[in-house]
Amino acid sequence: MTTIQSNIVNLISLWKNATQAFNTYNEDQHLGYCFVPQSEWPNKIWLKCEHNPEILNDIKLLLKSELSGFTFSYFDLNSNSNTIFDYYGFNEVSLQYGMSLSLTEKLKTSKTLTFQLVTNANDAKLWSKTFKKSFGYFVSEQTINKTYHNINYYLIYDQAELVGTVISHQTQNTFGIHSLGILPNMRGKGYATQIMYHLLNEAIEQDCDVATLQASKMAKSMYEKMGFKTEFMMRNYKLKTQ
């Protein structure tokens, strides 16, 4: 399995774990989709094969449905502009960079941080609120309550001060890092880098070979400084009328 495939498999596995408790994970030979009612995550549609007009029309129907605010995420392996999606009425609303790093030696950390694993309803409520403040969109408290048994949601503290959130998700020898968010009042203090160093060291301790993530344009340069390489783009679409 290539690192691109490992990255995508890890991400979809996380989406699956987040939605199976709600019985809302669906896939066939053409596409997959999953959602959580009254939540903005993961609520994704993705292709499992090459797109064609019939499949794109099916995706449009899902985006128009009353289900749960879907986003169509396309894994662009060739960095194309994908004018075909524009032609079919899709509007690119965000772009993320699929990145990976081969794990070798541990990194030296300069901050002593506490990674508090979410294990109860109070933690779930705090994680949901912290995530919303960090990212500006909503992962429901209900989602976290139903899934913290099989997803590692962490609240990050510097002594008694809450810094942000992160998720780690391992599939085979791949260590996926997701939802790394820093509270607005804690930004610019080097916390994101230090959290990453702690997580990469944990991945090495768990005998993982590669770390993967999907970076925003703003965070991409930080990950590049750590040695992460961009291997594909994840283009996120809504319909032009939405």
C-alpha atoms as a PDB file:
ATOM      1  CA  MET A   1       0.000   0.000   0.000  1.00  0.00           C
ATOM      2  CA  THR A   2       1.397   3.419  -0.946  1.00  0.00           C
ATOM      3  CA  THR A   3       1.496   6.282   1.564  1.00  0.00           C
ATOM      4  CA  ILE A   4      -1.263   8.000  -0.437  1.00  0.00           C
ATOM      5  CA  GLN A   5      -3.481   4.947  -0.061  1.00  0.00           C
ATOM      6  CA  SER A   6      -2.543   4.644   3.630  1.00  0.00           C
ATOM      7  CA  ASN A   7      -3.518   8.271   4.213  1.00  0.00           C
ATOM      8  CA  ILE A   8      -6.902   7.923   2.524  1.00  0.00           C
ATOM      9  CA  VAL A   9      -7.640   4.560   4.186  1.00  0.00           C
ATOM     10  CA  ASN A  10      -6.835   6.062   7.585  1.00  0.00           C
ATOM     11  CA  LEU A  11      -9.109   9.059   6.994  1.00  0.00           C
ATOM     12  CA  ILE A  12     -12.064   6.997   5.769  1.00  0.00           C
ATOM     13  CA  SER A  13     -11.578   4.576   8.663  1.00  0.00           C
ATOM     14  CA  LEU A  14     -11.923   7.513  11.053  1.00  0.00           C
ATOM     15  CA  TRP A  15     -15.105   8.666   9.314  1.00  0.00           C
ATOM     16  CA  LYS A  16     -16.452   5.125   9.544  1.00  0.00           C
ATOM     17  CA  ASN A  17     -15.690   4.871  13.266  1.00  0.00           C
ATOM     18  CA  ALA A  18     -17.359   8.232  13.843  1.00  0.00           C
ATOM     19  CA  THR A  19     -20.630   7.226  12.162  1.00  0.00           C
ATOM     20  CA  GLN A  20     -21.107   3.483  12.688  1.00  0.00           C
ATOM     21  CA  ALA A  21     -22.759   4.062  16.060  1.00  0.00           C
ATOM     22  CA  PHE A  22     -25.454   6.018  14.193  1.00  0.00           C
ATOM     23  CA  ASN A  23     -25.821   3.374  11.429  1.00  0.00           C
ATOM     24  CA  THR A  24     -25.166   6.067   8.833  1.00  0.00           C
ATOM     25  CA  TYR A  25     -22.073   4.696   7.085  1.00  0.00           C
ATOM     26  CA  ASN A  26     -22.814   3.576   3.519  1.00  0.00           C
ATOM     27  CA  GLU A  27     -20.693   2.483   0.575  1.00  0.00           C
ATOM     28  CA  ASP A  28     -20.982   0.585  -2.697  1.00  0.00           C
ATOM     29  CA  GLN A  29     -18.550  -0.014  -5.548  1.00  0.00           C
ATOM     30  CA  HIS A  30     -18.870   3.598  -6.754  1.00  0.00           C
ATOM     31  CA  LEU A  31     -18.970   5.879  -3.718  1.00  0.00           C
ATOM     32  CA  GLY A  32     -19.217   6.098   0.036  1.00  0.00           C
ATOM     33  CA  TYR A  33     -21.006   8.502   2.344  1.00  0.00           C
ATOM     34  CA  CYS A  34     -21.529   8.940   6.059  1.00  0.00           C
ATOM     35  CA  PHE A  35     -23.051  11.506   8.388  1.00  0.00           C
ATOM     36  CA  VAL A  36     -24.092  12.271  11.946  1.00  0.00           C
ATOM     37  CA  PRO A  37     -27.455  13.981  12.497  1.00  0.00           C
ATOM     38  CA  GLN A  38     -27.200  17.478  14.008  1.00  0.00           C
ATOM     39  CA  SER A  39     -23.436  17.603  13.554  1.00  0.00           C
ATOM     40  CA  GLU A  40     -21.112  19.136  10.953  1.00  0.00           C
ATOM     41  CA  TRP A  41     -18.612  16.247  11.028  1.00  0.00           C
ATOM     42  CA  PRO A  42     -17.863  13.997   9.299  1.00  0.00           C
ATOM     43  CA  ASN A  43     -20.837  14.259   6.872  1.00  0.00           C
ATOM     44  CA  LYS A  44     -18.786  13.256   3.815  1.00  0.00           C
ATOM     45  CA  ILE A  45     -19.267  11.827   0.342  1.00  0.00           C
ATOM     46  CA  TRP A  46     -16.293  10.360  -1.525  1.00  0.00           C
ATOM     47  CA  LEU A  47     -15.595   8.488  -4.731  1.00  0.00           C
ATOM     48  CA  LYS A  48     -14.357   4.900  -4.778  1.00  0.00           C
ATOM     49  CA  CYS A  49     -13.789   4.799  -8.540  1.00  0.00           C
ATOM     50  CA  GLU A  50     -13.347   7.133 -11.502  1.00  0.00           C
ATOM     51  CA  HIS A  51     -16.128   9.687 -11.787  1.00  0.00           C
ATOM     52  CA  ASN A  52     -18.639   9.659 -14.611  1.00  0.00           C
ATOM     53  CA  PRO A  53     -21.848  11.634 -15.260  1.00  0.00           C
ATOM     54  CA  GLU A  54     -24.081   9.038 -13.578  1.00  0.00           C
ATOM     55  CA  ILE A  55     -22.017   8.942 -10.370  1.00  0.00           C
ATOM     56  CA  LEU A  56     -21.729  12.734 -10.273  1.00  0.00           C
ATOM     57  CA  ASN A  57     -25.505  13.003 -10.570  1.00  0.00           C
ATOM     58  CA  ASP A  58     -25.854  10.573  -7.647  1.00  0.00           C
ATOM     59  CA  ILE A  59     -23.546  12.797  -5.595  1.00  0.00           C
ATOM     60  CA  LYS A  60     -25.598  15.852  -6.521  1.00  0.00           C
ATOM     61  CA  LEU A  61     -28.744  14.113  -5.286  1.00  0.00           C
ATOM     62  CA  LEU A  62     -27.059  13.358  -1.951  1.00  0.00           C
ATOM     63  CA  LEU A  63     -25.883  16.953  -1.611  1.00  0.00           C
ATOM     64  CA  LYS A  64     -29.434  18.139  -2.284  1.00  0.00           C
ATOM     65  CA  SER A  65     -30.962  15.686   0.193  1.00  0.00           C
ATOM     66  CA  GLU A  66     -32.349  16.572   3.583  1.00  0.00           C
ATOM     67  CA  LEU A  67     -29.938  14.236   5.364  1.00  0.00           C
ATOM     68  CA  SER A  68     -27.149  16.182   7.044  1.00  0.00           C
ATOM     69  CA  GLY A  69     -25.205  18.909   5.256  1.00  0.00           C
ATOM     70  CA  PHE A  70     -22.875  16.759   3.176  1.00  0.00           C
ATOM     71  CA  THR A  71     -19.565  17.808   1.656  1.00  0.00           C
ATOM     72  CA  PHE A  72     -18.205  15.931  -1.359  1.00  0.00           C
ATOM     73  CA  SER A  73     -14.467  15.309  -0.822  1.00  0.00           C
ATOM     74  CA  TYR A  74     -12.472  14.434  -3.933  1.00  0.00           C
ATOM     75  CA  PHE A  75      -9.006  12.938  -3.574  1.00  0.00           C
ATOM     76  CA  ASP A  76      -7.078  14.691  -6.337  1.00  0.00           C
ATOM     77  CA  LEU A  77      -3.923  12.652  -6.934  1.00  0.00           C
ATOM     78  CA  ASN A  78      -2.686  14.725  -9.884  1.00  0.00           C
ATOM     79  CA  SER A  79      -3.242  18.298  -8.623  1.00  0.00           C
ATOM     80  CA  ASN A  80      -5.678  18.999 -11.447  1.00  0.00           C
ATOM     81  CA  SER A  81      -8.110  21.886 -11.445  1.00  0.00           C
ATOM     82  CA  ASN A  82     -10.970  19.446 -12.121  1.00  0.00           C
ATOM     83  CA  THR A  83     -13.010  21.709 -14.338  1.00  0.00           C
ATOM     84  CA  ILE A  84     -15.375  18.751 -14.844  1.00  0.00           C
ATOM     85  CA  PHE A  85     -16.764  19.378 -11.340  1.00  0.00           C
ATOM     86  CA  ASP A  86     -17.353  23.041 -12.125  1.00  0.00           C
ATOM     87  CA  TYR A  87     -19.176  22.000 -15.299  1.00  0.00           C
ATOM     88  CA  TYR A  88     -21.473  19.721 -13.285  1.00  0.00           C
ATOM     89  CA  GLY A  89     -22.376  22.455 -10.805  1.00  0.00           C
ATOM     90  CA  PHE A  90     -19.979  21.778  -7.933  1.00  0.00           C
ATOM     91  CA  ASN A  91     -18.316  24.624  -6.057  1.00  0.00           C
ATOM     92  CA  GLU A  92     -14.959  24.056  -4.329  1.00  0.00           C
ATOM     93  CA  VAL A  93     -15.370  25.398  -0.790  1.00  0.00           C
ATOM     94  CA  SER A  94     -12.063  24.313   0.739  1.00  0.00           C
ATOM     95  CA  LEU A  95      -8.802  22.566  -0.046  1.00  0.00           C
ATOM     96  CA  GLN A  96      -6.634  20.343   2.131  1.00  0.00           C
ATOM     97  CA  TYR A  97      -3.227  18.813   1.467  1.00  0.00           C
ATOM     98  CA  GLY A  98      -2.743  15.086   2.019  1.00  0.00           C
ATOM     99  CA  MET A  99       0.690  14.826   3.642  1.00  0.00           C
ATOM    100  CA  SER A 100       2.866  12.048   5.029  1.00  0.00           C
ATOM    101  CA  LEU A 101       6.093  11.633   6.980  1.00  0.00           C
ATOM    102  CA  SER A 102       8.259   8.524   7.296  1.00  0.00           C
ATOM    103  CA  LEU A 103       8.953   7.911  10.985  1.00  0.00           C
ATOM    104  CA  THR A 104      12.548   7.348  12.038  1.00  0.00           C
ATOM    105  CA  GLU A 105      13.948   9.026  15.148  1.00  0.00           C
ATOM    106  CA  LYS A 106      12.172  10.620  18.081  1.00  0.00           C
ATOM    107  CA  LEU A 107      11.978  14.396  18.311  1.00  0.00           C
ATOM    108  CA  LYS A 108      13.069  16.563  21.207  1.00  0.00           C
ATOM    109  CA  THR A 109      10.175  18.359  22.909  1.00  0.00           C
ATOM    110  CA  SER A 110      10.466  21.662  24.761  1.00  0.00           C
ATOM    111  CA  LYS A 111       7.023  21.787  26.423  1.00  0.00           C
ATOM    112  CA  THR A 112       5.572  19.343  28.930  1.00  0.00           C
ATOM    113  CA  LEU A 113       2.011  18.860  27.733  1.00  0.00           C
ATOM    114  CA  THR A 114      -0.791  16.684  29.072  1.00  0.00           C
ATOM    115  CA  PHE A 115      -2.870  14.701  26.582  1.00  0.00           C
ATOM    116  CA  GLN A 116      -6.152  13.994  28.366  1.00  0.00           C
ATOM    117  CA  LEU A 117      -8.078  11.230  26.634  1.00  0.00           C
ATOM    118  CA  VAL A 118     -11.843  11.821  26.477  1.00  0.00           C
ATOM    119  CA  THR A 119     -13.503   9.093  28.551  1.00  0.00           C
ATOM    120  CA  ASN A 120     -16.776  10.583  29.806  1.00  0.00           C
ATOM    121  CA  ALA A 121     -19.628  12.950  29.001  1.00  0.00           C
ATOM    122  CA  ASN A 122     -18.037  15.984  30.646  1.00  0.00           C
ATOM    123  CA  ASP A 123     -14.851  15.529  28.620  1.00  0.00           C
ATOM    124  CA  ALA A 124     -16.934  15.081  25.470  1.00  0.00           C
ATOM    125  CA  LYS A 125     -18.787  18.346  26.101  1.00  0.00           C
ATOM    126  CA  LEU A 126     -15.531  20.236  26.682  1.00  0.00           C
ATOM    127  CA  TRP A 127     -13.885  18.691  23.591  1.00  0.00           C
ATOM    128  CA  SER A 128     -16.862  19.712  21.430  1.00  0.00           C
ATOM    129  CA  LYS A 129     -16.776  23.305  22.716  1.00  0.00           C
ATOM    130  CA  THR A 130     -12.995  23.575  22.357  1.00  0.00           C
ATOM    131  CA  PHE A 131     -13.081  22.191  18.826  1.00  0.00           C
ATOM    132  CA  LYS A 132     -15.774  24.708  17.827  1.00  0.00           C
ATOM    133  CA  LYS A 133     -13.705  27.610  19.192  1.00  0.00           C
ATOM    134  CA  SER A 134     -10.599  26.322  17.411  1.00  0.00           C
ATOM    135  CA  PHE A 135     -12.088  25.464  14.017  1.00  0.00           C
ATOM    136  CA  GLY A 136     -15.317  27.419  13.758  1.00  0.00           C
ATOM    137  CA  TYR A 137     -17.518  24.436  12.979  1.00  0.00           C
ATOM    138  CA  PHE A 138     -19.311  21.852  15.065  1.00  0.00           C
ATOM    139  CA  VAL A 139     -18.606  18.251  16.093  1.00  0.00           C
ATOM    140  CA  SER A 140     -21.577  17.326  18.223  1.00  0.00           C
ATOM    141  CA  GLU A 141     -21.204  16.279  21.833  1.00  0.00           C
ATOM    142  CA  GLN A 142     -23.388  13.279  20.980  1.00  0.00           C
ATOM    143  CA  THR A 143     -20.892  12.152  18.326  1.00  0.00           C
ATOM    144  CA  ILE A 144     -18.033  12.165  20.817  1.00  0.00           C
ATOM    145  CA  ASN A 145     -20.078  10.452  23.539  1.00  0.00           C
ATOM    146  CA  LYS A 146     -21.000   7.590  21.217  1.00  0.00           C
ATOM    147  CA  THR A 147     -17.523   7.107  19.768  1.00  0.00           C
ATOM    148  CA  TYR A 148     -14.855   7.902  22.381  1.00  0.00           C
ATOM    149  CA  HIS A 149     -14.539   4.158  23.087  1.00  0.00           C
ATOM    150  CA  ASN A 150     -12.960   3.614  19.657  1.00  0.00           C
ATOM    151  CA  ILE A 151     -11.619   7.064  18.701  1.00  0.00           C
ATOM    152  CA  ASN A 152      -8.808   8.794  20.578  1.00  0.00           C
ATOM    153  CA  TYR A 153     -10.078  12.324  21.267  1.00  0.00           C
ATOM    154  CA  TYR A 154      -7.549  14.335  23.278  1.00  0.00           C
ATOM    155  CA  LEU A 155      -7.805  17.584  25.222  1.00  0.00           C
ATOM    156  CA  ILE A 156      -4.362  19.207  25.354  1.00  0.00           C
ATOM    157  CA  TYR A 157      -3.237  21.023  28.505  1.00  0.00           C
ATOM    158  CA  ASP A 158      -0.169  23.030  29.439  1.00  0.00           C
ATOM    159  CA  GLN A 159      -0.271  22.492  33.195  1.00  0.00           C
ATOM    160  CA  ALA A 160      -3.859  23.525  34.078  1.00  0.00           C
ATOM    161  CA  GLU A 161      -4.420  25.647  30.977  1.00  0.00           C
ATOM    162  CA  LEU A 162      -6.429  24.186  28.095  1.00  0.00           C
ATOM    163  CA  VAL A 163      -4.615  24.554  24.775  1.00  0.00           C
ATOM    164  CA  GLY A 164      -6.681  22.707  22.160  1.00  0.00           C
ATOM    165  CA  THR A 165      -7.787  19.383  20.677  1.00  0.00           C
ATOM    166  CA  VAL A 166      -6.441  16.554  18.557  1.00  0.00           C
ATOM    167  CA  ILE A 167      -7.419  13.069  17.372  1.00  0.00           C
ATOM    168  CA  SER A 168      -5.016  10.209  16.734  1.00  0.00           C
ATOM    169  CA  HIS A 169      -6.159   7.226  14.677  1.00  0.00           C
ATOM    170  CA  GLN A 170      -4.017   4.217  13.817  1.00  0.00           C
ATOM    171  CA  THR A 171      -4.641   1.868  10.896  1.00  0.00           C
ATOM    172  CA  GLN A 172      -2.071  -0.910  10.502  1.00  0.00           C
ATOM    173  CA  ASN A 173       1.338   0.837  10.531  1.00  0.00           C
ATOM    174  CA  THR A 174      -0.122   4.285   9.737  1.00  0.00           C
ATOM    175  CA  PHE A 175      -0.582   6.918  12.448  1.00  0.00           C
ATOM    176  CA  GLY A 176      -3.208   9.452  11.376  1.00  0.00           C
ATOM    177  CA  ILE A 177      -3.296  12.885  13.032  1.00  0.00           C
ATOM    178  CA  HIS A 178      -6.616  14.742  12.791  1.00  0.00           C
ATOM    179  CA  SER A 179      -8.424  17.767  14.217  1.00  0.00           C
ATOM    180  CA  LEU A 180      -5.346  19.471  15.662  1.00  0.00           C
ATOM    181  CA  GLY A 181      -6.851  22.767  16.769  1.00  0.00           C
ATOM    182  CA  ILE A 182      -5.424  25.468  19.029  1.00  0.00           C
ATOM    183  CA  LEU A 183      -7.693  27.854  20.951  1.00  0.00           C
ATOM    184  CA  PRO A 184      -7.452  31.424  19.598  1.00  0.00           C
ATOM    185  CA  ASN A 185      -5.950  32.832  22.807  1.00  0.00           C
ATOM    186  CA  MET A 186      -3.228  30.137  22.805  1.00  0.00           C
ATOM    187  CA  ARG A 187      -2.008  30.586  19.236  1.00  0.00           C
ATOM    188  CA  GLY A 188       1.426  31.853  18.309  1.00  0.00           C
ATOM    189  CA  LYS A 189       3.124  30.147  21.274  1.00  0.00           C
ATOM    190  CA  GLY A 190       4.481  27.065  19.493  1.00  0.00           C
ATOM    191  CA  TYR A 191       1.879  24.652  20.817  1.00  0.00           C
ATOM    192  CA  ALA A 192       0.923  23.100  17.475  1.00  0.00           C
ATOM    193  CA  THR A 193       4.515  22.115  16.742  1.00  0.00           C
ATOM    194  CA  GLN A 194       5.043  20.701  20.221  1.00  0.00           C
ATOM    195  CA  ILE A 195       1.780  18.708  20.044  1.00  0.00           C
ATOM    196  CA  MET A 196       2.945  17.254  16.737  1.00  0.00           C
ATOM    197  CA  TYR A 197       6.317  16.289  18.218  1.00  0.00           C
ATOM    198  CA  HIS A 198       4.598  14.477  21.094  1.00  0.00           C
ATOM    199  CA  LEU A 199       2.286  12.641  18.678  1.00  0.00           C
ATOM    200  CA  LEU A 200       5.084  11.644  16.299  1.00  0.00           C
ATOM    201  CA  ASN A 201       7.066  10.259  19.226  1.00  0.00           C
ATOM    202  CA  GLU A 202       3.992   8.293  20.308  1.00  0.00           C
ATOM    203  CA  ALA A 203       3.637   6.935  16.774  1.00  0.00           C
ATOM    204  CA  ILE A 204       7.233   5.682  16.858  1.00  0.00           C
ATOM    205  CA  GLU A 205       6.587   4.036  20.234  1.00  0.00           C
ATOM    206  CA  GLN A 206       3.634   2.230  18.641  1.00  0.00           C
ATOM    207  CA  ASP A 207       5.908   0.924  15.848  1.00  0.00           C
ATOM    208  CA  CYS A 208       4.199   2.945  13.127  1.00  0.00           C
ATOM    209  CA  ASP A 209       6.152   3.535   9.913  1.00  0.00           C
ATOM    210  CA  VAL A 210       4.377   6.632   8.635  1.00  0.00           C
ATOM    211  CA  ALA A 211       2.357   9.573   9.961  1.00  0.00           C
ATOM    212  CA  THR A 212      -0.391  11.078   7.802  1.00  0.00           C
ATOM    213  CA  LEU A 213      -2.616  14.144   7.963  1.00  0.00           C
ATOM    214  CA  GLN A 214      -4.672  16.551   5.879  1.00  0.00           C
ATOM    215  CA  ALA A 215      -3.391  20.103   6.242  1.00  0.00           C
ATOM    216  CA  SER A 216      -5.021  23.442   5.582  1.00  0.00           C
ATOM    217  CA  LYS A 217      -3.164  25.930   3.407  1.00  0.00           C
ATOM    218  CA  MET A 218      -2.357  27.951   6.538  1.00  0.00           C
ATOM    219  CA  ALA A 219      -0.789  24.988   8.380  1.00  0.00           C
ATOM    220  CA  LYS A 220       0.943  23.384   5.398  1.00  0.00           C
ATOM    221  CA  SER A 221       4.262  25.216   5.838  1.00  0.00           C
ATOM    222  CA  MET A 222       4.495  24.170   9.505  1.00  0.00           C
ATOM    223  CA  TYR A 223       4.195  20.517   8.551  1.00  0.00           C
ATOM    224  CA  GLU A 224       6.692  20.926   5.719  1.00  0.00           C
ATOM    225  CA  LYS A 225       9.256  22.208   8.239  1.00  0.00           C
ATOM    226  CA  MET A 226       8.814  18.911  10.102  1.00  0.00           C
ATOM    227  CA  GLY A 227       9.524  16.958   6.928  1.00  0.00           C
ATOM    228  CA  PHE A 228       5.984  16.155   5.791  1.00  0.00           C
ATOM    229  CA  LYS A 229       5.521  15.829   2.027  1.00  0.00           C
ATOM    230  CA  THR A 230       2.372  16.730   0.086  1.00  0.00           C
ATOM    231  CA  GLU A 231       1.151  13.752  -1.966  1.00  0.00           C
ATOM    232  CA  PHE A 232      -2.386  14.695  -3.002  1.00  0.00           C
ATOM    233  CA  MET A 233      -5.066  17.314  -2.528  1.00  0.00           C
ATOM    234  CA  MET A 234      -8.467  16.796  -0.953  1.00  0.00           C
ATOM    235  CA  ARG A 235     -10.864  19.157  -2.694  1.00  0.00           C
ATOM    236  CA  ASN A 236     -14.105  19.743  -0.810  1.00  0.00           C
ATOM    237  CA  TYR A 237     -17.238  20.634  -2.771  1.00  0.00           C
ATOM    238  CA  LYS A 238     -20.768  21.839  -2.224  1.00  0.00           C
ATOM    239  CA  LEU A 239     -23.287  22.575  -4.952  1.00  0.00           C
ATOM    240  CA  LYS A 240     -23.159  26.060  -6.436  1.00  0.00           C
ATOM    241  CA  THR A 241     -26.727  26.672  -5.272  1.00  0.00           C
ATOM    242  CA  GLN A 242     -25.954  25.792  -1.637  1.00  0.00           C
END
